């Protein structure tokens, strides 16, 4: 998820919405449908044509972004003279990546970024707003609350870290618990195996920290939006921040240990070559291929819903949206390269949304404002410039989520 620079605007807008309860009971926000509130706009016979046209446009853009992202890594990338980004990363003979160690450090930085984001922003921002008395704003700071899929998204973010560290996509989740493999069974060409070679205690602690973060997230009562201030949410936040600290920031962290081991000669850059190759071939490329496939399935489901406007097809489209979220959320530990350089992360996953902008687009039926052109430009803080961010905040996964779901359930044609 790329946090939208229109965040403050979205929260200010939220002041007009009905208040919510975040007590540890499963209460939902009070109040009924009020068309003055963008989040309460209903699907009706009067707006159905625009509603379906909007969903089609967003699904087509998502499909294009997913296809482009997969192609940039696996086929050709203009910024590297047509060389697939996967090959650029594996070759690591350029100004960005000059060694296998530099690639491993990038992998760890990506893992840190998403662990910190889940703890500090995805869980932390709503909590901070809630305890400050801004209960409505707290609700709208919760990512994926329309579908009530927040916990699943966040736990899949932690799975993306597991995959990156263990060089696999074979994580085993039983119920709401991540089952860790016997450490000896983890493949040799993985960050975990190389870390175990030089510091077995930290290797074990890192794997346990991944499990702790994953399981703590799923220990939050569902839906998360009704339990923002719960003790379970605070525990999950801390577990994610502890994991982030262990990866790159703490006095003893994985990134420093591996760097020092290469410097000392106890681990060679040549040994890390296999780690980089396996990471690309086994983790990144298949994840992006799955994302392209599921985005295509989502587009097809939206198309079927457009052609036959039934409750069953709304449910099918919602299920396709949920399926497409899995490869996206399990890719968030590697939000570097084309996904960042081309603005594909905020294209696909900006949050919070500009709900006023979505409703205006829906009512006006003009979808020309869903695309931007030219080079992706960011400001001094690394955020998309406002003109691009304004476009990104009315498209992507979460715009489709808003159009497909209401209070965790598929919308109805009735």
Protein backbone atom coordinates (compact mmCIF):
# COMPACT_ATOMS: atom_id res chain seq x y z
CA UNK A 1 0.00 0.00 0.00
CA UNK A 2 1.21 3.46 -0.84
CA UNK A 3 -0.27 6.00 1.56
CA UNK A 4 -2.06 8.69 -0.36
CA UNK A 5 -0.92 12.29 0.07
CA UNK A 6 -4.61 13.18 0.15
CA UNK A 7 -4.75 11.44 3.54
CA UNK A 8 -5.48 14.62 5.49
CA UNK A 9 -8.25 15.51 3.05
CA UNK A 10 -9.82 12.10 3.42
CA UNK A 11 -9.78 12.33 7.20
CA UNK A 12 -11.24 15.82 7.18
CA UNK A 13 -13.96 14.54 4.90
CA UNK A 14 -14.60 11.75 7.40
CA UNK A 15 -15.85 14.29 9.94
CA UNK A 16 -19.19 14.32 8.16
CA UNK A 17 -19.65 10.59 8.65
CA UNK A 18 -21.50 8.85 11.45
CA UNK A 19 -19.48 7.96 14.50
CA UNK A 20 -18.29 4.43 15.11
CA UNK A 21 -17.71 2.19 18.05
CA UNK A 22 -14.31 0.53 18.44
CA UNK A 23 -15.05 -1.24 21.68
CA UNK A 24 -14.07 -4.88 21.97
CA UNK A 25 -17.57 -6.07 21.06
CA UNK A 26 -18.44 -6.51 17.42
CA UNK A 27 -20.46 -3.32 17.04
CA UNK A 28 -20.73 -1.67 13.66
CA UNK A 29 -20.87 2.06 13.01
CA UNK A 30 -24.15 3.61 14.04
CA UNK A 31 -26.59 5.22 11.65
CA UNK A 32 -28.30 4.27 8.45
CA UNK A 33 -27.82 5.24 4.83
CA UNK A 34 -27.32 8.96 4.33
CA UNK A 35 -26.61 10.05 0.80
CA UNK A 36 -24.79 13.09 2.11
CA UNK A 37 -22.12 10.64 3.22
CA UNK A 38 -20.02 9.31 0.33
CA UNK A 39 -19.28 6.01 2.10
CA UNK A 40 -23.01 5.35 2.41
CA UNK A 41 -23.88 5.72 -1.29
CA UNK A 42 -25.89 2.73 -2.44
CA UNK A 43 -26.03 0.86 -5.72
CA UNK A 44 -29.41 1.66 -7.29
CA UNK A 45 -31.23 1.30 -10.58
CA UNK A 46 -30.59 4.99 -11.20
CA UNK A 47 -26.80 4.82 -10.86
CA UNK A 48 -26.25 1.20 -11.98
CA UNK A 49 -25.01 2.04 -15.49
CA UNK A 50 -22.36 4.43 -14.19
CA UNK A 51 -21.51 2.04 -11.35
CA UNK A 52 -20.75 -0.82 -13.71
CA UNK A 53 -18.90 1.40 -16.17
CA UNK A 54 -16.74 2.70 -13.32
CA UNK A 55 -15.94 -0.83 -12.12
CA UNK A 56 -15.00 -1.88 -15.64
CA UNK A 57 -12.65 1.06 -16.07
CA UNK A 58 -10.93 0.42 -12.74
CA UNK A 59 -10.66 -3.33 -13.37
CA UNK A 60 -9.15 -2.70 -16.81
CA UNK A 61 -6.55 -0.35 -15.32
CA UNK A 62 -5.71 -2.87 -12.60
CA UNK A 63 -5.30 -5.58 -15.19
CA UNK A 64 -3.00 -3.36 -17.25
CA UNK A 65 -0.89 -2.41 -14.23
CA UNK A 66 -0.52 -6.04 -13.17
CA UNK A 67 0.39 -7.09 -16.72
CA UNK A 68 2.91 -4.28 -17.06
CA UNK A 69 4.51 -5.08 -13.72
CA UNK A 70 4.95 -8.74 -14.57
CA UNK A 71 6.32 -7.82 -17.98
CA UNK A 72 8.82 -5.30 -16.58
CA UNK A 73 10.31 -8.02 -14.40
CA UNK A 74 10.11 -10.97 -16.75
CA UNK A 75 10.15 -9.67 -20.35
CA UNK A 76 11.48 -6.14 -20.92
CA UNK A 77 11.91 -2.90 -19.00
CA UNK A 78 12.57 0.36 -20.82
CA UNK A 79 14.52 1.96 -17.97
CA UNK A 80 17.11 -0.82 -18.26
CA UNK A 81 17.37 -0.72 -22.03
CA UNK A 82 14.88 -3.52 -22.49
CA UNK A 83 16.58 -5.94 -20.10
CA UNK A 84 14.07 -7.62 -17.78
CA UNK A 85 14.37 -6.22 -14.28
CA UNK A 86 14.77 -9.75 -12.95
CA UNK A 87 18.00 -10.07 -14.93
CA UNK A 88 19.24 -6.67 -13.83
CA UNK A 89 18.74 -7.66 -10.22
CA UNK A 90 20.36 -11.06 -10.63
CA UNK A 91 23.34 -9.63 -12.55
CA UNK A 92 23.86 -6.87 -9.91
CA UNK A 93 26.56 -5.17 -11.97
CA UNK A 94 25.05 -1.70 -12.12
CA UNK A 95 25.07 1.52 -10.12
CA UNK A 96 22.00 0.50 -8.11
CA UNK A 97 23.04 -3.06 -7.28
CA UNK A 98 26.79 -3.62 -7.38
CA UNK A 99 26.96 -6.94 -5.52
CA UNK A 100 24.85 -9.82 -4.32
CA UNK A 101 25.08 -8.34 -0.84
CA UNK A 102 23.53 -5.08 -2.07
CA UNK A 103 20.63 -7.11 -3.47
CA UNK A 104 20.17 -8.96 -0.19
CA UNK A 105 20.21 -5.65 1.64
CA UNK A 106 17.47 -4.39 -0.70
CA UNK A 107 15.42 -7.50 0.06
CA UNK A 108 15.81 -6.88 3.78
CA UNK A 109 14.95 -3.20 3.39
CA UNK A 110 11.75 -4.21 1.62
CA UNK A 111 10.91 -6.60 4.44
CA UNK A 112 11.56 -3.89 7.00
CA UNK A 113 9.41 -1.39 5.11
CA UNK A 114 6.31 -3.57 5.09
CA UNK A 115 6.74 -4.83 8.67
CA UNK A 116 7.08 -1.23 9.84
CA UNK A 117 4.17 -0.09 7.67
CA UNK A 118 1.83 -2.73 9.04
CA UNK A 119 2.74 -1.88 12.62
CA UNK A 120 3.19 1.87 12.41
CA UNK A 121 0.61 2.82 9.75
CA UNK A 122 -1.90 0.09 9.00
CA UNK A 123 -2.49 -0.69 12.67
CA UNK A 124 -0.90 2.33 14.33
CA UNK A 125 -2.54 5.20 12.45
CA UNK A 126 -6.12 4.11 13.22
CA UNK A 127 -5.19 3.46 16.85
CA UNK A 128 -3.55 6.87 17.29
CA UNK A 129 -6.59 8.59 15.80
CA UNK A 130 -8.95 6.60 17.96
CA UNK A 131 -7.22 7.28 21.28
CA UNK A 132 -7.07 10.97 20.34
CA UNK A 133 -10.85 10.93 20.20
CA UNK A 134 -11.11 11.00 16.41
CA UNK A 135 -13.19 7.85 16.10
CA UNK A 136 -14.61 8.49 12.64
CA UNK A 137 -11.21 9.39 11.23
CA UNK A 138 -9.84 6.22 12.83
CA UNK A 139 -12.32 4.13 10.86
CA UNK A 140 -11.32 5.68 7.55
CA UNK A 141 -7.64 5.10 8.28
CA UNK A 142 -8.23 1.32 8.32
CA UNK A 143 -7.16 -0.21 5.02
CA UNK A 144 -9.58 -2.72 3.45
CA UNK A 145 -12.42 -1.97 5.85
CA UNK A 146 -15.14 -2.02 3.18
CA UNK A 147 -14.53 -5.73 2.65
CA UNK A 148 -13.65 -6.44 6.30
CA UNK A 149 -10.47 -8.01 4.95
CA UNK A 150 -7.90 -5.95 6.85
CA UNK A 151 -6.47 -8.70 9.04
CA UNK A 152 -6.05 -11.04 6.08
CA UNK A 153 -4.29 -8.36 4.03
CA UNK A 154 -1.93 -7.50 6.87
CA UNK A 155 -1.12 -11.13 7.66
CA UNK A 156 -0.35 -11.70 3.98
CA UNK A 157 2.07 -8.78 4.20
CA UNK A 158 3.93 -10.76 6.86
CA UNK A 159 3.80 -13.85 4.65
CA UNK A 160 5.58 -11.77 2.01
CA UNK A 161 8.41 -11.31 4.52
CA UNK A 162 8.47 -15.03 5.28
CA UNK A 163 8.69 -15.81 1.57
CA UNK A 164 11.51 -13.33 1.02
CA UNK A 165 13.56 -14.60 3.96
CA UNK A 166 13.01 -18.31 3.33
CA UNK A 167 13.17 -18.18 -0.47
CA UNK A 168 9.88 -19.98 -0.91
CA UNK A 169 6.15 -19.46 -1.42
CA UNK A 170 5.28 -22.59 0.53
CA UNK A 171 4.27 -21.01 3.82
CA UNK A 172 1.92 -23.16 5.88
CA UNK A 173 -0.94 -21.44 7.68
CA UNK A 174 -3.27 -23.66 9.69
CA UNK A 175 -6.30 -21.87 11.03
CA UNK A 176 -4.82 -18.53 12.03
CA UNK A 177 -1.35 -19.79 12.91
CA UNK A 178 1.78 -19.74 10.76
CA UNK A 179 3.39 -23.15 11.09
CA UNK A 180 7.16 -22.83 10.88
CA UNK A 181 9.11 -25.61 9.18
CA UNK A 182 11.99 -27.47 10.72
CA UNK A 183 14.87 -25.08 10.24
CA UNK A 184 16.99 -27.75 8.61
CA UNK A 185 14.36 -28.09 5.88
CA UNK A 186 14.62 -24.47 4.73
CA UNK A 187 16.42 -24.28 1.41
CA UNK A 188 20.12 -23.43 1.36
CA UNK A 189 19.74 -20.57 -1.10
CA UNK A 190 17.79 -18.38 1.28
CA UNK A 191 18.58 -15.44 3.50
CA UNK A 192 17.56 -17.50 6.51
CA UNK A 193 20.02 -20.30 5.70
CA UNK A 194 22.92 -17.87 5.22
CA UNK A 195 22.01 -16.07 8.44
CA UNK A 196 21.87 -19.39 10.29
CA UNK A 197 25.40 -20.14 9.08
CA UNK A 198 26.82 -17.04 10.80
CA UNK A 199 24.37 -16.45 13.66
CA UNK A 200 22.02 -19.33 14.38
CA UNK A 201 20.40 -17.64 17.37
CA UNK A 202 19.38 -14.57 15.37
CA UNK A 203 18.15 -16.76 12.52
CA UNK A 204 15.82 -18.62 14.85
CA UNK A 205 14.71 -15.40 16.55
CA UNK A 206 13.89 -13.85 13.16
CA UNK A 207 11.74 -16.77 12.09
CA UNK A 208 9.94 -16.68 15.43
CA UNK A 209 9.40 -12.92 15.08
CA UNK A 210 7.78 -13.45 11.67
CA UNK A 211 5.42 -16.01 13.19
CA UNK A 212 4.67 -13.76 16.16
CA UNK A 213 3.71 -10.84 13.91
CA UNK A 214 1.59 -12.99 11.60
CA UNK A 215 -0.28 -14.75 14.39
CA UNK A 216 -0.79 -11.57 16.42
CA UNK A 217 -2.49 -9.89 13.46
CA UNK A 218 -4.94 -12.75 13.06
CA UNK A 219 -5.53 -12.73 16.82
CA UNK A 220 -7.20 -9.32 16.47
CA UNK A 221 -10.97 -9.90 16.61
CA UNK A 222 -12.63 -9.50 13.24
CA UNK A 223 -13.32 -7.12 11.71
CA UNK A 224 -10.32 -5.00 12.67
CA UNK A 225 -12.26 -1.77 12.07
CA UNK A 226 -14.40 -2.57 15.15
CA UNK A 227 -11.40 -3.42 17.33
CA UNK A 228 -8.97 -0.62 16.54
CA UNK A 229 -8.27 0.08 20.22
CA UNK A 230 -8.17 -3.53 21.39
CA UNK A 231 -5.33 -5.06 23.38
CA UNK A 232 -4.92 -7.56 20.53
CA UNK A 233 -4.36 -4.73 18.03
CA UNK A 234 -1.71 -3.19 20.27
CA UNK A 235 0.01 -6.56 20.62
CA UNK A 236 0.01 -7.02 16.84
CA UNK A 237 1.41 -3.54 16.32
CA UNK A 238 4.25 -4.24 18.73
CA UNK A 239 5.01 -7.64 17.16
CA UNK A 240 5.30 -6.03 13.72
CA UNK A 241 7.56 -3.26 15.01
CA UNK A 242 9.72 -5.81 16.84
CA UNK A 243 10.11 -7.74 13.58
CA UNK A 244 11.01 -4.58 11.68
CA UNK A 245 13.60 -3.68 14.30
CA UNK A 246 15.18 -7.13 14.12
CA UNK A 247 15.43 -7.01 10.33
CA UNK A 248 17.40 -3.80 9.82
CA UNK A 249 17.24 -1.29 12.67
CA UNK A 250 18.09 -2.82 16.01
CA UNK A 251 21.51 -2.95 17.64
CA UNK A 252 21.64 -6.57 16.50
CA UNK A 253 19.87 -6.90 13.18
CA UNK A 254 19.91 -9.27 10.24
CA UNK A 255 21.14 -6.71 7.72
CA UNK A 256 24.14 -5.74 9.84
CA UNK A 257 24.99 -9.33 10.71
CA UNK A 258 25.12 -10.38 7.05
CA UNK A 259 27.08 -7.29 6.02
CA UNK A 260 29.63 -7.89 8.78
CA UNK A 261 29.87 -11.56 7.85
CA UNK A 262 30.73 -10.70 4.23
CA UNK A 263 33.26 -8.13 5.41
CA UNK A 264 34.84 -10.69 7.73
CA UNK A 265 34.93 -13.37 5.04
CA UNK A 266 32.75 -15.84 6.93
CA UNK A 267 30.14 -15.37 4.20
CA UNK A 268 31.07 -14.64 0.60
CA UNK A 269 29.26 -12.55 -1.95
CA UNK A 270 29.37 -15.59 -4.24
CA UNK A 271 27.33 -17.55 -1.69
CA UNK A 272 24.69 -14.83 -1.81
CA UNK A 273 24.41 -15.08 -5.61
CA UNK A 274 22.29 -18.19 -5.26
CA UNK A 275 20.08 -16.42 -2.71
CA UNK A 276 19.39 -13.59 -5.15
CA UNK A 277 18.68 -15.96 -8.06
CA UNK A 278 16.33 -18.10 -5.99
CA UNK A 279 14.53 -15.03 -4.60
CA UNK A 280 13.81 -13.75 -8.10
CA UNK A 281 12.94 -17.07 -9.72
CA UNK A 282 11.01 -18.73 -6.89
CA UNK A 283 9.43 -15.78 -5.06
CA UNK A 284 9.15 -12.60 -7.15
CA UNK A 285 8.42 -13.83 -10.67
CA UNK A 286 5.75 -16.41 -9.71
CA UNK A 287 4.07 -13.87 -7.41
CA UNK A 288 3.82 -11.29 -10.17
CA UNK A 289 2.65 -13.94 -12.63
CA UNK A 290 -0.11 -14.86 -10.17
CA UNK A 291 -0.99 -11.20 -9.78
CA UNK A 292 -1.39 -10.80 -13.53
CA UNK A 293 -3.54 -13.94 -13.71
CA UNK A 294 -5.79 -12.96 -10.80
CA UNK A 295 -6.16 -9.39 -12.08
CA UNK A 296 -7.31 -10.89 -15.37
CA UNK A 297 -9.78 -13.11 -13.53
CA UNK A 298 -11.05 -10.08 -11.63
CA UNK A 299 -11.55 -8.16 -14.87
CA UNK A 300 -13.46 -11.11 -16.31
CA UNK A 301 -15.67 -11.32 -13.22
CA UNK A 302 -16.38 -7.58 -13.37
CA UNK A 303 -17.22 -7.99 -17.05
CA UNK A 304 -19.63 -10.82 -16.29
CA UNK A 305 -21.24 -8.70 -13.58
CA UNK A 306 -21.60 -5.87 -16.07
CA UNK A 307 -23.25 -8.17 -18.60
CA UNK A 308 -25.51 -9.90 -16.07
CA UNK A 309 -26.30 -7.77 -13.05
CA UNK A 310 -27.20 -10.32 -10.41
CA UNK A 311 -26.42 -10.81 -6.74
CA UNK A 312 -24.60 -14.02 -7.63
CA UNK A 313 -22.30 -12.16 -10.00
CA UNK A 314 -21.67 -9.50 -7.35
CA UNK A 315 -20.55 -12.33 -5.04
CA UNK A 316 -18.36 -13.81 -7.76
CA UNK A 317 -16.72 -10.45 -8.41
CA UNK A 318 -16.11 -9.98 -4.69
CA UNK A 319 -14.49 -13.42 -4.51
CA UNK A 320 -12.30 -12.52 -7.50
CA UNK A 321 -11.27 -9.31 -5.72
CA UNK A 322 -10.31 -11.29 -2.61
CA UNK A 323 -8.31 -13.75 -4.72
CA UNK A 324 -6.43 -10.95 -6.47
CA UNK A 325 -5.51 -9.38 -3.14
CA UNK A 326 -3.44 -12.42 -2.14
CA UNK A 327 -0.61 -12.09 -4.70
CA UNK A 328 -0.64 -8.32 -4.29
CA UNK A 329 -0.35 -8.39 -0.50
CA UNK A 330 2.27 -11.14 -0.63
CA UNK A 331 4.32 -8.94 -2.98
CA UNK A 332 4.55 -6.01 -0.60
CA UNK A 333 7.92 -7.06 0.78
CA UNK A 334 9.42 -6.26 -2.63
CA UNK A 335 7.99 -2.85 -3.52
CA UNK A 336 11.15 -1.75 -5.31
CA UNK A 337 12.12 -1.48 -8.94
CA UNK A 338 9.36 -1.00 -11.55
CA UNK A 339 6.49 -1.16 -9.05
CA UNK A 340 7.90 1.96 -7.37
CA UNK A 341 9.58 3.68 -10.32
CA UNK A 342 6.48 3.54 -12.53
CA UNK A 343 4.00 4.47 -9.80
CA UNK A 344 2.31 1.07 -9.97
CA UNK A 345 2.04 0.64 -6.21
CA UNK A 346 -0.10 3.78 -5.69
CA UNK A 347 -1.89 3.13 -8.98
CA UNK A 348 -3.09 -0.18 -7.64
CA UNK A 349 -3.22 0.27 -3.89
CA UNK A 350 -3.50 3.89 -2.75
CA UNK A 351 -5.14 4.39 0.60
CA UNK A 352 -7.12 6.21 1.92
CA UNK A 353 -9.44 6.87 -0.99
CA UNK A 354 -10.83 10.19 -2.13
CA UNK A 355 -14.44 9.20 -1.49
CA UNK A 356 -15.80 12.56 -2.63
CA UNK A 357 -13.85 12.13 -5.88
CA UNK A 358 -15.17 8.58 -6.33
CA UNK A 359 -18.77 9.67 -5.83
CA UNK A 360 -18.32 12.64 -8.16
CA UNK A 361 -16.87 10.31 -10.80
CA UNK A 362 -19.71 7.86 -10.25
CA UNK A 363 -22.39 10.53 -10.57
CA UNK A 364 -20.79 12.30 -13.51
CA UNK A 365 -19.96 9.20 -15.51
CA UNK A 366 -16.72 10.72 -16.83
CA UNK A 367 -13.88 8.24 -16.37
CA UNK A 368 -11.23 10.14 -18.31
CA UNK A 369 -9.71 11.30 -15.03
CA UNK A 370 -8.69 7.78 -14.00
CA UNK A 371 -5.42 7.89 -15.96
CA UNK A 372 -2.38 10.09 -15.85
CA UNK A 373 0.40 10.39 -18.41
CA UNK A 374 4.08 11.15 -18.52
CA UNK A 375 6.81 10.18 -16.06
CA UNK A 376 5.90 9.24 -12.51
CA UNK A 377 6.99 12.22 -10.41
CA UNK A 378 7.31 12.39 -6.64
CA UNK A 379 7.84 15.31 -4.29
CA UNK A 380 10.66 15.88 -1.84
CA UNK A 381 9.07 13.37 0.56
CA UNK A 382 8.89 10.65 -2.08
CA UNK A 383 5.11 10.96 -2.42
CA UNK A 384 3.40 11.28 -5.81
CA UNK A 385 2.83 14.88 -6.82
CA UNK A 386 -0.71 16.01 -6.08
CA UNK A 387 -1.98 15.86 -9.65
CA UNK A 388 -0.97 12.19 -9.95
CA UNK A 389 -2.06 11.28 -6.42
CA UNK A 390 -5.51 12.73 -7.09
CA UNK A 391 -5.91 10.30 -10.00
CA UNK A 392 -4.55 7.33 -8.07
CA UNK A 393 -6.96 7.90 -5.19
CA UNK A 394 -10.03 7.18 -7.35
CA UNK A 395 -8.84 3.91 -8.93
CA UNK A 396 -7.14 0.69 -7.88
CA UNK A 397 -8.03 -2.19 -5.60
CA UNK A 398 -9.69 -0.08 -2.94
CA UNK A 399 -11.93 1.83 -5.32
CA UNK A 400 -13.16 -1.53 -6.61
CA UNK A 401 -13.53 -2.71 -3.03
CA UNK A 402 -15.77 0.30 -2.30
CA UNK A 403 -17.88 -0.40 -5.38
CA UNK A 404 -18.16 -4.15 -4.70
CA UNK A 405 -18.57 -4.42 -0.93
CA UNK A 406 -20.72 -2.87 1.77
CA UNK A 407 -20.04 -3.65 5.45
CA UNK A 408 -18.03 -6.72 4.57
CA UNK A 409 -20.64 -8.21 2.23
CA UNK A 410 -21.13 -8.11 -1.54
CA UNK A 411 -23.43 -5.34 -2.65
CA UNK A 412 -26.88 -6.29 -3.89
CA UNK A 413 -28.72 -5.33 -7.04
CA UNK A 414 -31.95 -5.10 -5.02
